[in-house]
PDB file of N, CA and C in Angstrom:
ATOM      1  N   MET A   1       1.944  11.860  33.624  1.00  0.00           N
ATOM      2  CA  MET A   1       1.188  10.967  32.921  1.00  0.00           C
ATOM      3  C   MET A   1       0.690  11.509  31.435  1.00  0.00           C
ATOM      4  N   ASP A   2       1.104  12.738  31.133  1.00  0.00           N
ATOM      5  CA  ASP A   2       0.741  13.300  29.898  1.00  0.00           C
ATOM      6  C   ASP A   2       1.140  12.449  28.653  1.00  0.00           C
ATOM      7  N   VAL A   3       2.261  11.777  28.729  1.00  0.00           N
ATOM      8  CA  VAL A   3       2.713  11.083  27.502  1.00  0.00           C
ATOM      9  C   VAL A   3       2.077   9.669  27.470  1.00  0.00           C
ATOM     10  N   ILE A   4       1.739   9.110  28.583  1.00  0.00           N
ATOM     11  CA  ILE A   4       1.250   7.724  28.695  1.00  0.00           C
ATOM     12  C   ILE A   4      -0.018   7.427  27.716  1.00  0.00           C
ATOM     13  N   PRO A   5      -0.993   8.296  27.658  1.00  0.00           N
ATOM     14  CA  PRO A   5      -2.063   7.981  26.666  1.00  0.00           C
ATOM     15  C   PRO A   5      -1.602   7.869  25.223  1.00  0.00           C
ATOM     16  N   PHE A   6      -0.583   8.719  24.794  1.00  0.00           N
ATOM     17  CA  PHE A   6      -0.135   8.664  23.437  1.00  0.00           C
ATOM     18  C   PHE A   6       0.670   7.404  23.228  1.00  0.00           C
ATOM     19  N   VAL A   7       1.531   7.110  24.216  1.00  0.00           N
ATOM     20  CA  VAL A   7       2.325   5.837  24.070  1.00  0.00           C
ATOM     21  C   VAL A   7       1.529   4.612  23.933  1.00  0.00           C
ATOM     22  N   LEU A   8       0.561   4.477  24.893  1.00  0.00           N
ATOM     23  CA  LEU A   8      -0.387   3.285  24.783  1.00  0.00           C
ATOM     24  C   LEU A   8      -1.209   3.318  23.556  1.00  0.00           C
ATOM     25  N   GLY A   9      -1.738   4.466  23.099  1.00  0.00           N
ATOM     26  CA  GLY A   9      -2.516   4.523  21.861  1.00  0.00           C
ATOM     27  C   GLY A   9      -1.732   4.198  20.618  1.00  0.00           C
ATOM     28  N   PHE A  10      -0.461   4.749  20.494  1.00  0.00           N
ATOM     29  CA  PHE A  10       0.394   4.519  19.349  1.00  0.00           C
ATOM     30  C   PHE A  10       0.769   3.042  19.363  1.00  0.00           C
ATOM     31  N   ALA A  11       1.189   2.453  20.546  1.00  0.00           N
ATOM     32  CA  ALA A  11       1.616   1.143  20.674  1.00  0.00           C
ATOM     33  C   ALA A  11       0.416   0.192  20.244  1.00  0.00           C
ATOM     34  N   GLY A  12      -0.745   0.590  20.719  1.00  0.00           N
ATOM     35  CA  GLY A  12      -1.977  -0.268  20.346  1.00  0.00           C
ATOM     36  C   GLY A  12      -2.213  -0.252  18.921  1.00  0.00           C
ATOM     37  N   LEU A  13      -2.043   0.956  18.322  1.00  0.00           N
ATOM     38  CA  LEU A  13      -2.299   1.063  16.815  1.00  0.00           C
ATOM     39  C   LEU A  13      -1.266   0.237  16.028  1.00  0.00           C
ATOM     40  N   LEU A  14      -0.007   0.310  16.471  1.00  0.00           N
ATOM     41  CA  LEU A  14       1.006  -0.527  15.828  1.00  0.00           C
ATOM     42  C   LEU A  14       0.817  -1.966  15.929  1.00  0.00           C
ATOM     43  N   VAL A  15       0.345  -2.415  17.103  1.00  0.00           N
ATOM     44  CA  VAL A  15       0.158  -3.856  17.323  1.00  0.00           C
ATOM     45  C   VAL A  15      -1.133  -4.248  16.548  1.00  0.00           C
ATOM     46  N   LEU A  16      -2.114  -3.438  16.491  1.00  0.00           N
ATOM     47  CA  LEU A  16      -3.302  -3.623  15.605  1.00  0.00           C
ATOM     48  C   LEU A  16      -3.093  -3.895  14.192  1.00  0.00           C
ATOM     49  N   VAL A  17      -2.141  -3.043  13.673  1.00  0.00           N
ATOM     50  CA  VAL A  17      -1.764  -3.136  12.273  1.00  0.00           C
ATOM     51  C   VAL A  17      -1.051  -4.383  12.006  1.00  0.00           C
ATOM     52  N   ILE A  18      -0.037  -4.730  12.877  1.00  0.00           N
ATOM     53  CA  ILE A  18       0.798  -5.931  12.786  1.00  0.00           C
ATOM     54  C   ILE A  18      -0.152  -7.171  12.826  1.00  0.00           C
ATOM     55  N   GLY A  19      -1.139  -7.140  13.702  1.00  0.00           N
ATOM     56  CA  GLY A  19      -2.134  -8.263  13.771  1.00  0.00           C
ATOM     57  C   GLY A  19      -2.912  -8.353  12.501  1.00  0.00           C
ATOM     58  N   TYR A  20      -3.358  -7.213  11.946  1.00  0.00           N
ATOM     59  CA  TYR A  20      -4.165  -7.245  10.793  1.00  0.00           C
ATOM     60  C   TYR A  20      -3.402  -7.853   9.552  1.00  0.00           C
ATOM     61  N   LEU A  21      -2.123  -7.277   9.423  1.00  0.00           N
ATOM     62  CA  LEU A  21      -1.283  -7.720   8.357  1.00  0.00           C
ATOM     63  C   LEU A  21      -0.951  -9.205   8.494  1.00  0.00           C
ATOM     64  N   GLY A  22      -0.761  -9.685   9.678  1.00  0.00           N
ATOM     65  CA  GLY A  22      -0.574 -11.168   9.870  1.00  0.00           C
ATOM     66  C   GLY A  22      -1.851 -11.933   9.513  1.00  0.00           C
ATOM     67  N   ARG A  23      -2.924 -11.405   9.937  1.00  0.00           N
ATOM     68  CA  ARG A  23      -4.268 -12.151   9.730  1.00  0.00           C
ATOM     69  C   ARG A  23      -4.544 -12.301   8.213  1.00  0.00           C
ATOM     70  N   ILE A  24      -4.212 -11.310   7.373  1.00  0.00           N
ATOM     71  CA  ILE A  24      -4.468 -11.353   5.969  1.00  0.00           C
ATOM     72  C   ILE A  24      -3.294 -11.896   5.183  1.00  0.00           C
ATOM     73  N   GLU A  25      -2.289 -12.354   5.914  1.00  0.00           N
ATOM     74  CA  GLU A  25      -1.086 -12.951   5.338  1.00  0.00           C
ATOM     75  C   GLU A  25      -0.213 -11.952   4.505  1.00  0.00           C
ATOM     76  N   ARG A  26      -0.175 -10.749   4.935  1.00  0.00           N
ATOM     77  CA  ARG A  26       0.578  -9.686   4.225  1.00  0.00           C
ATOM     78  C   ARG A  26       1.823  -9.287   5.075  1.00  0.00           C
ATOM     79  N   LEU A  27       2.070  -9.896   6.140  1.00  0.00           N
ATOM     80  CA  LEU A  27       3.191  -9.506   6.938  1.00  0.00           C
ATOM     81  C   LEU A  27       4.342 -10.365   6.521  1.00  0.00           C
ATOM     82  N   PRO A  28       5.416  -9.767   5.908  1.00  0.00           N
ATOM     83  CA  PRO A  28       6.546 -10.408   5.464  1.00  0.00           C
ATOM     84  C   PRO A  28       7.366 -10.997   6.636  1.00  0.00           C
ATOM     85  N   ARG A  29       8.048 -12.153   6.377  1.00  0.00           N
ATOM     86  CA  ARG A  29       8.946 -12.720   7.427  1.00  0.00           C
ATOM     87  C   ARG A  29      10.089 -11.685   7.692  1.00  0.00           C
ATOM     88  N   ASN A  30      10.318 -11.337   8.960  1.00  0.00           N
ATOM     89  CA  ASN A  30      11.205 -10.383   9.324  1.00  0.00           C
ATOM     90  C   ASN A  30      11.727 -10.663  10.774  1.00  0.00           C
ATOM     91  N   SER A  31      12.697  -9.932  11.170  1.00  0.00           N
ATOM     92  CA  SER A  31      13.209 -10.140  12.522  1.00  0.00           C
ATOM     93  C   SER A  31      12.708  -9.097  13.581  1.00  0.00           C
ATOM     94  N   VAL A  32      11.721  -8.361  13.267  1.00  0.00           N
ATOM     95  CA  VAL A  32      11.130  -7.314  14.076  1.00  0.00           C
ATOM     96  C   VAL A  32       9.730  -7.522  14.641  1.00  0.00           C
ATOM     97  N   ALA A  33       8.847  -7.891  13.731  1.00  0.00           N
ATOM     98  CA  ALA A  33       7.397  -7.821  14.002  1.00  0.00           C
ATOM     99  C   ALA A  33       6.782  -9.231  13.733  1.00  0.00           C
ATOM    100  N   GLY A  34       5.826  -9.564  14.541  1.00  0.00           N
ATOM    101  CA  GLY A  34       5.094 -10.845  14.246  1.00  0.00           C
ATOM    102  C   GLY A  34       5.636 -11.953  15.248  1.00  0.00           C
ATOM    103  N   VAL A  35       5.026 -13.078  15.067  1.00  0.00           N
ATOM    104  CA  VAL A  35       5.391 -14.266  15.807  1.00  0.00           C
ATOM    105  C   VAL A  35       6.757 -14.765  15.307  1.00  0.00           C
ATOM    106  N   ARG A  36       7.779 -14.718  16.119  1.00  0.00           N
ATOM    107  CA  ARG A  36       9.019 -15.138  15.696  1.00  0.00           C
ATOM    108  C   ARG A  36       9.540 -16.176  16.613  1.00  0.00           C
ATOM    109  N   THR A  37       9.121 -17.396  16.414  1.00  0.00           N
ATOM    110  CA  THR A  37       9.550 -18.586  17.180  1.00  0.00           C
ATOM    111  C   THR A  37      10.520 -19.327  16.288  1.00  0.00           C
ATOM    112  N   VAL A  38      11.227 -20.318  16.805  1.00  0.00           N
ATOM    113  CA  VAL A  38      12.065 -21.165  15.982  1.00  0.00           C
ATOM    114  C   VAL A  38      11.191 -21.683  14.923  1.00  0.00           C
ATOM    115  N   ALA A  39      10.049 -22.322  15.240  1.00  0.00           N
ATOM    116  CA  ALA A  39       9.196 -22.915  14.235  1.00  0.00           C
ATOM    117  C   ALA A  39       8.688 -21.908  13.158  1.00  0.00           C
ATOM    118  N   SER A  40       8.360 -20.707  13.581  1.00  0.00           N
ATOM    119  CA  SER A  40       7.814 -19.822  12.568  1.00  0.00           C
ATOM    120  C   SER A  40       8.778 -19.254  11.679  1.00  0.00           C
ATOM    121  N   MET A  41      10.065 -19.196  12.056  1.00  0.00           N
ATOM    122  CA  MET A  41      11.085 -18.657  11.240  1.00  0.00           C
ATOM    123  C   MET A  41      11.799 -19.601  10.312  1.00  0.00           C
ATOM    124  N   ARG A  42      11.291 -20.875  10.342  1.00  0.00           N
ATOM    125  CA  ARG A  42      11.847 -21.847   9.461  1.00  0.00           C
ATOM    126  C   ARG A  42      11.499 -21.637   8.012  1.00  0.00           C
ATOM    127  N   SER A  43      10.445 -21.078   7.668  1.00  0.00           N
ATOM    128  CA  SER A  43       9.981 -20.919   6.322  1.00  0.00           C
ATOM    129  C   SER A  43       9.002 -19.710   6.180  1.00  0.00           C
ATOM    130  N   ASP A  44       8.848 -19.267   4.987  1.00  0.00           N
ATOM    131  CA  ASP A  44       7.819 -18.220   4.808  1.00  0.00           C
ATOM    132  C   ASP A  44       6.391 -18.729   5.115  1.00  0.00           C
ATOM    133  N   ALA A  45       6.170 -19.990   4.648  1.00  0.00           N
ATOM    134  CA  ALA A  45       4.872 -20.481   4.808  1.00  0.00           C
ATOM    135  C   ALA A  45       4.523 -20.612   6.422  1.00  0.00           C
ATOM    136  N   ALA A  46       5.542 -21.098   7.150  1.00  0.00           N
ATOM    137  CA  ALA A  46       5.286 -21.237   8.599  1.00  0.00           C
ATOM    138  C   ALA A  46       5.107 -19.883   9.216  1.00  0.00           C
ATOM    139  N   PHE A  47       5.911 -18.829   8.798  1.00  0.00           N
ATOM    140  CA  PHE A  47       5.758 -17.552   9.223  1.00  0.00           C
ATOM    141  C   PHE A  47       4.308 -17.050   9.125  1.00  0.00           C
ATOM    142  N   ARG A  48       3.795 -17.223   7.754  1.00  0.00           N
ATOM    143  CA  ARG A  48       2.543 -16.760   7.404  1.00  0.00           C
ATOM    144  C   ARG A  48       1.386 -17.467   8.279  1.00  0.00           C
ATOM    145  N   ALA A  49       1.592 -18.732   8.443  1.00  0.00           N
ATOM    146  CA  ALA A  49       0.598 -19.550   9.208  1.00  0.00           C
ATOM    147  C   ALA A  49       0.670 -19.068  10.669  1.00  0.00           C
ATOM    148  N   ALA A  50       1.764 -18.891  11.240  1.00  0.00           N
ATOM    149  CA  ALA A  50       1.884 -18.520  12.608  1.00  0.00           C
ATOM    150  C   ALA A  50       1.171 -17.134  12.850  1.00  0.00           C
ATOM    151  N   ASN A  51       1.489 -16.221  11.953  1.00  0.00           N
ATOM    152  CA  ASN A  51       0.873 -14.873  12.067  1.00  0.00           C
ATOM    153  C   ASN A  51      -0.527 -14.739  11.798  1.00  0.00           C
ATOM    154  N   LYS A  52      -1.017 -15.623  10.835  1.00  0.00           N
ATOM    155  CA  LYS A  52      -2.462 -15.659  10.606  1.00  0.00           C
ATOM    156  C   LYS A  52      -3.193 -16.157  11.825  1.00  0.00           C
ATOM    157  N   ALA A  53      -2.599 -17.278  12.450  1.00  0.00           N
ATOM    158  CA  ALA A  53      -3.266 -17.878  13.640  1.00  0.00           C
ATOM    159  C   ALA A  53      -3.262 -16.791  14.849  1.00  0.00           C
ATOM    160  N   ALA A  54      -2.248 -15.973  14.890  1.00  0.00           N
ATOM    161  CA  ALA A  54      -2.064 -15.127  15.958  1.00  0.00           C
ATOM    162  C   ALA A  54      -2.725 -13.733  15.733  1.00  0.00           C
ATOM    163  N   GLY A  55      -3.289 -13.630  14.514  1.00  0.00           N
ATOM    164  CA  GLY A  55      -3.795 -12.331  14.092  1.00  0.00           C
ATOM    165  C   GLY A  55      -4.919 -11.740  14.970  1.00  0.00           C
ATOM    166  N   VAL A  56      -5.914 -12.597  15.340  1.00  0.00           N
ATOM    167  CA  VAL A  56      -7.044 -12.075  16.072  1.00  0.00           C
ATOM    168  C   VAL A  56      -6.620 -11.688  17.548  1.00  0.00           C
ATOM    169  N   PRO A  57      -5.868 -12.565  18.268  1.00  0.00           N
ATOM    170  CA  PRO A  57      -5.456 -12.105  19.651  1.00  0.00           C
ATOM    171  C   PRO A  57      -4.581 -10.879  19.570  1.00  0.00           C
ATOM    172  N   THR A  58      -3.740 -10.699  18.398  1.00  0.00           N
ATOM    173  CA  THR A  58      -2.870  -9.575  18.296  1.00  0.00           C
ATOM    174  C   THR A  58      -3.731  -8.341  18.089  1.00  0.00           C
ATOM    175  N   MET A  59      -4.744  -8.458  17.182  1.00  0.00           N
ATOM    176  CA  MET A  59      -5.595  -7.276  16.905  1.00  0.00           C
ATOM    177  C   MET A  59      -6.341  -6.845  18.238  1.00  0.00           C
ATOM    178  N   ILE A  60      -6.808  -7.875  18.891  1.00  0.00           N
ATOM    179  CA  ILE A  60      -7.500  -7.496  20.213  1.00  0.00           C
ATOM    180  C   ILE A  60      -6.561  -6.862  21.223  1.00  0.00           C
ATOM    181  N   ALA A  61      -5.271  -7.193  21.200  1.00  0.00           N
ATOM    182  CA  ALA A  61      -4.257  -6.623  21.956  1.00  0.00           C
ATOM    183  C   ALA A  61      -4.125  -5.156  21.556  1.00  0.00           C
ATOM    184  N   GLY A  62      -4.111  -4.924  20.258  1.00  0.00           N
ATOM    185  CA  GLY A  62      -4.027  -3.560  19.738  1.00  0.00           C
ATOM    186  C   GLY A  62      -5.182  -2.700  20.208  1.00  0.00           C
ATOM    187  N   VAL A  63      -6.402  -3.269  20.150  1.00  0.00           N
ATOM    188  CA  VAL A  63      -7.559  -2.470  20.585  1.00  0.00           C
ATOM    189  C   VAL A  63      -7.478  -2.236  22.088  1.00  0.00           C
ATOM    190  N   ALA A  64      -6.996  -3.237  22.841  1.00  0.00           N
ATOM    191  CA  ALA A  64      -6.765  -3.030  24.292  1.00  0.00           C
ATOM    192  C   ALA A  64      -5.792  -1.887  24.540  1.00  0.00           C
ATOM    193  N   GLY A  65      -4.661  -1.816  23.769  1.00  0.00           N
ATOM    194  CA  GLY A  65      -3.782  -0.643  23.995  1.00  0.00           C
ATOM    195  C   GLY A  65      -4.342   0.690  23.640  1.00  0.00           C
ATOM    196  N   ILE A  66      -5.122   0.731  22.584  1.00  0.00           N
ATOM    197  CA  ILE A  66      -5.775   1.972  22.237  1.00  0.00           C
ATOM    198  C   ILE A  66      -6.801   2.322  23.210  1.00  0.00           C
ATOM    199  N   THR A  67      -7.559   1.370  23.682  1.00  0.00           N
ATOM    200  CA  THR A  67      -8.478   1.633  24.804  1.00  0.00           C
ATOM    201  C   THR A  67      -7.917   2.164  26.002  1.00  0.00           C
ATOM    202  N   GLY A  68      -6.845   1.500  26.373  1.00  0.00           N
ATOM    203  CA  GLY A  68      -6.086   1.903  27.610  1.00  0.00           C
ATOM    204  C   GLY A  68      -5.598   3.341  27.481  1.00  0.00           C
ATOM    205  N   GLY A  69      -5.079   3.694  26.368  1.00  0.00           N
ATOM    206  CA  GLY A  69      -4.681   5.017  26.054  1.00  0.00           C
ATOM    207  C   GLY A  69      -5.776   6.063  26.204  1.00  0.00           C
ATOM    208  N   VAL A  70      -6.903   5.663  25.620  1.00  0.00           N
ATOM    209  CA  VAL A  70      -8.096   6.659  25.800  1.00  0.00           C
ATOM    210  C   VAL A  70      -8.536   6.716  27.227  1.00  0.00           C
ATOM    211  N   GLY A  71      -8.434   5.579  27.909  1.00  0.00           N
ATOM    212  CA  GLY A  71      -8.847   5.468  29.267  1.00  0.00           C
ATOM    213  C   GLY A  71      -8.049   6.388  30.197  1.00  0.00           C
ATOM    214  N   VAL A  72      -6.656   6.322  29.936  1.00  0.00           N
ATOM    215  CA  VAL A  72      -5.759   7.161  30.705  1.00  0.00           C
ATOM    216  C   VAL A  72      -5.968   8.638  30.406  1.00  0.00           C
ATOM    217  N   TRP A  73      -6.383   8.937  29.195  1.00  0.00           N
ATOM    218  CA  TRP A  73      -6.547  10.324  28.757  1.00  0.00           C
ATOM    219  C   TRP A  73      -7.849  10.834  29.371  1.00  0.00           C
ATOM    220  N   LEU A  74      -8.882  10.091  29.416  1.00  0.00           N
ATOM    221  CA  LEU A  74     -10.176  10.426  29.930  1.00  0.00           C
ATOM    222  C   LEU A  74     -10.286  10.533  31.399  1.00  0.00           C
ATOM    223  N   VAL A  75      -9.487   9.622  32.169  1.00  0.00           N
ATOM    224  CA  VAL A  75      -9.579   9.600  33.570  1.00  0.00           C
ATOM    225  C   VAL A  75      -7.947   9.479  34.102  1.00  0.00           C
ATOM    226  N   PRO A  76      -7.358  10.659  33.946  1.00  0.00           N
ATOM    227  CA  PRO A  76      -6.027  10.715  34.423  1.00  0.00           C
ATOM    228  C   PRO A  76      -5.704  10.263  35.873  1.00  0.00           C
ATOM    229  N   GLU A  77      -6.765  10.486  36.726  1.00  0.00           N
ATOM    230  CA  GLU A  77      -6.629  10.022  38.114  1.00  0.00           C
ATOM    231  C   GLU A  77      -6.346   8.542  38.257  1.00  0.00           C
ATOM    232  N   ALA A  78      -6.896   7.834  37.348  1.00  0.00           N
ATOM    233  CA  ALA A  78      -6.837   6.302  37.284  1.00  0.00           C
ATOM    234  C   ALA A  78      -5.689   5.830  36.372  1.00  0.00           C
ATOM    235  N   GLY A  79      -4.774   6.749  36.028  1.00  0.00           N
ATOM    236  CA  GLY A  79      -3.760   6.407  35.055  1.00  0.00           C
ATOM    237  C   GLY A  79      -2.859   5.244  35.316  1.00  0.00           C
ATOM    238  N   VAL A  80      -2.454   5.084  36.557  1.00  0.00           N
ATOM    239  CA  VAL A  80      -1.584   3.920  36.943  1.00  0.00           C
ATOM    240  C   VAL A  80      -2.332   2.628  36.860  1.00  0.00           C
ATOM    241  N   THR A  81      -3.588   2.689  37.306  1.00  0.00           N
ATOM    242  CA  THR A  81      -4.390   1.458  37.276  1.00  0.00           C
ATOM    243  C   THR A  81      -4.752   1.051  35.947  1.00  0.00           C
ATOM    244  N   VAL A  82      -5.181   1.995  35.065  1.00  0.00           N
ATOM    245  CA  VAL A  82      -5.487   1.664  33.627  1.00  0.00           C
ATOM    246  C   VAL A  82      -4.279   1.158  32.947  1.00  0.00           C
ATOM    247  N   THR A  83      -3.135   1.826  33.222  1.00  0.00           N
ATOM    248  CA  THR A  83      -1.911   1.381  32.489  1.00  0.00           C
ATOM    249  C   THR A  83      -1.490  -0.126  32.923  1.00  0.00           C
ATOM    250  N   LEU A  84      -1.579  -0.356  34.215  1.00  0.00           N
ATOM    251  CA  LEU A  84      -1.265  -1.762  34.626  1.00  0.00           C
ATOM    252  C   LEU A  84      -2.263  -2.790  34.141  1.00  0.00           C
ATOM    253  N   VAL A  85      -3.542  -2.421  34.059  1.00  0.00           N
ATOM    254  CA  VAL A  85      -4.550  -3.363  33.515  1.00  0.00           C
ATOM    255  C   VAL A  85      -4.252  -3.562  32.063  1.00  0.00           C
ATOM    256  N   THR A  86      -4.060  -2.438  31.365  1.00  0.00           N
ATOM    257  CA  THR A  86      -3.733  -2.580  29.899  1.00  0.00           C
ATOM    258  C   THR A  86      -2.515  -3.372  29.626  1.00  0.00           C
ATOM    259  N   ALA A  87      -1.480  -3.213  30.410  1.00  0.00           N
ATOM    260  CA  ALA A  87      -0.288  -4.034  30.287  1.00  0.00           C
ATOM    261  C   ALA A  87      -0.486  -5.510  30.501  1.00  0.00           C
ATOM    262  N   ALA A  88      -1.310  -5.866  31.431  1.00  0.00           N
ATOM    263  CA  ALA A  88      -1.648  -7.165  31.822  1.00  0.00           C
ATOM    264  C   ALA A  88      -2.427  -7.830  30.649  1.00  0.00           C
ATOM    265  N   ALA A  89      -3.374  -7.053  30.081  1.00  0.00           N
ATOM    266  CA  ALA A  89      -4.188  -7.555  29.007  1.00  0.00           C
ATOM    267  C   ALA A  89      -3.309  -7.769  27.713  1.00  0.00           C
ATOM    268  N   LEU A  90      -2.382  -6.860  27.507  1.00  0.00           N
ATOM    269  CA  LEU A  90      -1.408  -6.926  26.310  1.00  0.00           C
ATOM    270  C   LEU A  90      -0.560  -8.211  26.534  1.00  0.00           C
ATOM    271  N   LEU A  91      -0.092  -8.427  27.662  1.00  0.00           N
ATOM    272  CA  LEU A  91       0.808  -9.566  27.938  1.00  0.00           C
ATOM    273  C   LEU A  91      -0.053 -10.867  27.726  1.00  0.00           C
ATOM    274  N   ALA A  92      -1.319 -10.940  28.252  1.00  0.00           N
ATOM    275  CA  ALA A  92      -1.988 -12.152  28.126  1.00  0.00           C
ATOM    276  C   ALA A  92      -2.396 -12.417  26.671  1.00  0.00           C
ATOM    277  N   LEU A  93      -2.697 -11.400  25.962  1.00  0.00           N
ATOM    278  CA  LEU A  93      -3.087 -11.605  24.549  1.00  0.00           C
ATOM    279  C   LEU A  93      -1.843 -11.938  23.672  1.00  0.00           C
ATOM    280  N   ALA A  94      -0.686 -11.411  24.021  1.00  0.00           N
ATOM    281  CA  ALA A  94       0.556 -11.679  23.342  1.00  0.00           C
ATOM    282  C   ALA A  94       0.891 -13.119  23.507  1.00  0.00           C
ATOM    283  N   VAL A  95       0.801 -13.594  24.756  1.00  0.00           N
ATOM    284  CA  VAL A  95       1.077 -15.013  25.031  1.00  0.00           C
ATOM    285  C   VAL A  95       0.082 -16.002  24.325  1.00  0.00           C
ATOM    286  N   THR A  96      -1.150 -15.641  24.270  1.00  0.00           N
ATOM    287  CA  THR A  96      -2.186 -16.338  23.592  1.00  0.00           C
ATOM    288  C   THR A  96      -1.821 -16.396  22.183  1.00  0.00           C
ATOM    289  N   GLY A  97      -1.595 -15.305  21.510  1.00  0.00           N
ATOM    290  CA  GLY A  97      -1.221 -15.220  20.113  1.00  0.00           C
ATOM    291  C   GLY A  97       0.046 -15.982  19.795  1.00  0.00           C
ATOM    292  N   GLY A  98       1.083 -15.910  20.615  1.00  0.00           N
ATOM    293  CA  GLY A  98       2.281 -16.622  20.420  1.00  0.00           C
ATOM    294  C   GLY A  98       2.084 -18.102  20.510  1.00  0.00           C
ATOM    295  N   VAL A  99       1.299 -18.574  21.358  1.00  0.00           N
ATOM    296  CA  VAL A  99       1.052 -20.052  21.539  1.00  0.00           C
ATOM    297  C   VAL A  99       0.305 -20.517  20.306  1.00  0.00           C
ATOM    298  N   LYS A 100      -0.749 -19.777  19.856  1.00  0.00           N
ATOM    299  CA  LYS A 100      -1.540 -20.187  18.715  1.00  0.00           C
ATOM    300  C   LYS A 100      -0.643 -20.200  17.494  1.00  0.00           C
ATOM    301  N   GLY A 101       0.148 -19.114  17.366  1.00  0.00           N
ATOM    302  CA  GLY A 101       1.022 -18.988  16.176  1.00  0.00           C
ATOM    303  C   GLY A 101       1.999 -20.082  16.144  1.00  0.00           C
ATOM    304  N   SER A 102       2.599 -20.458  17.219  1.00  0.00           N
ATOM    305  CA  SER A 102       3.710 -21.476  17.322  1.00  0.00           C
ATOM    306  C   SER A 102       3.161 -22.822  16.964  1.00  0.00           C
ATOM    307  N   ARG A 103       1.809 -23.015  17.468  1.00  0.00           N
ATOM    308  CA  ARG A 103       1.235 -24.307  17.056  1.00  0.00           C
ATOM    309  C   ARG A 103       0.926 -24.399  15.552  1.00  0.00           C
ATOM    310  N   ALA A 104       0.453 -23.277  14.996  1.00  0.00           N
ATOM    311  CA  ALA A 104       0.244 -23.300  13.558  1.00  0.00           C
ATOM    312  C   ALA A 104       1.548 -23.400  12.736  1.00  0.00           C
ATOM    313  N   ALA A 105       2.634 -22.795  13.209  1.00  0.00           N
ATOM    314  CA  ALA A 105       3.920 -22.995  12.498  1.00  0.00           C
ATOM    315  C   ALA A 105       4.373 -24.392  12.609  1.00  0.00           C
ATOM    316  N   ASN A 106       4.267 -24.980  13.780  1.00  0.00           N
ATOM    317  CA  ASN A 106       4.669 -26.423  13.986  1.00  0.00           C
ATOM    318  C   ASN A 106       3.892 -27.404  12.943  1.00  0.00           C
ATOM    319  N   ALA A 107       2.567 -27.077  12.833  1.00  0.00           N
ATOM    320  CA  ALA A 107       1.772 -27.866  11.980  1.00  0.00           C
ATOM    321  C   ALA A 107       2.324 -27.695  10.521  1.00  0.00           C
ATOM    322  N   VAL A 108       2.657 -26.567  10.127  1.00  0.00           N
ATOM    323  CA  VAL A 108       3.217 -26.429   8.745  1.00  0.00           C
ATOM    324  C   VAL A 108       4.568 -27.115   8.620  1.00  0.00           C
ATOM    325  N   ASN A 109       5.385 -26.998   9.592  1.00  0.00           N
ATOM    326  CA  ASN A 109       6.672 -27.604   9.584  1.00  0.00           C
ATOM    327  C   ASN A 109       6.553 -29.163   9.571  1.00  0.00           C
ATOM    328  N   ASP A 110       5.534 -29.663  10.317  1.00  0.00           N
ATOM    329  CA  ASP A 110       5.396 -31.133  10.343  1.00  0.00           C
ATOM    330  C   ASP A 110       5.017 -31.669   8.963  1.00  0.00           C
ATOM    331  N   GLN A 111       4.241 -30.823   8.159  1.00  0.00           N
ATOM    332  CA  GLN A 111       3.760 -31.266   6.852  1.00  0.00           C
ATOM    333  C   GLN A 111       4.817 -31.152   5.697  1.00  0.00           C
ATOM    334  N   GLU A 112       5.814 -30.315   5.973  1.00  0.00           N
ATOM    335  CA  GLU A 112       6.758 -30.140   4.955  1.00  0.00           C
ATOM    336  C   GLU A 112       7.808 -31.337   4.891  1.00  0.00           C
ATOM    337  N   PRO A 113       8.223 -31.792   3.689  1.00  0.00           N
ATOM    338  CA  PRO A 113       9.193 -32.839   3.639  1.00  0.00           C
ATOM    339  C   PRO A 113      10.537 -32.338   4.131  1.00  0.00           C
ATOM    340  N   GLY A 114      11.137 -33.394   4.748  1.00  0.00           N
ATOM    341  CA  GLY A 114      12.269 -33.198   5.384  1.00  0.00           C
ATOM    342  C   GLY A 114      13.569 -32.902   5.532  1.00  0.00           C
TER     343      GLY A 114
END
């Protein structure tokens, strides 16, 4: 379990930064990071809207990852439990962000001429 705290912490930091960049509309459209649904990839405006909408849940997911990493480091006996709870929180927040982002991207695509 020695590597788990660092993996969770680093992943959490990465997710936090991606969420922040999306929230402030500085995350460029790409094929690696951010909300990448069919709707969000249609245009730069849709990608920005999707990731702005998903920014808060994504940042909370990042904080959850960092917190999980610290939790495993401080209480190694509960490492498996903390890791599973952290993974569940990350999944729930990722789905929440994805749904919010997809709705925002669809709204932009609905407004664009055709």
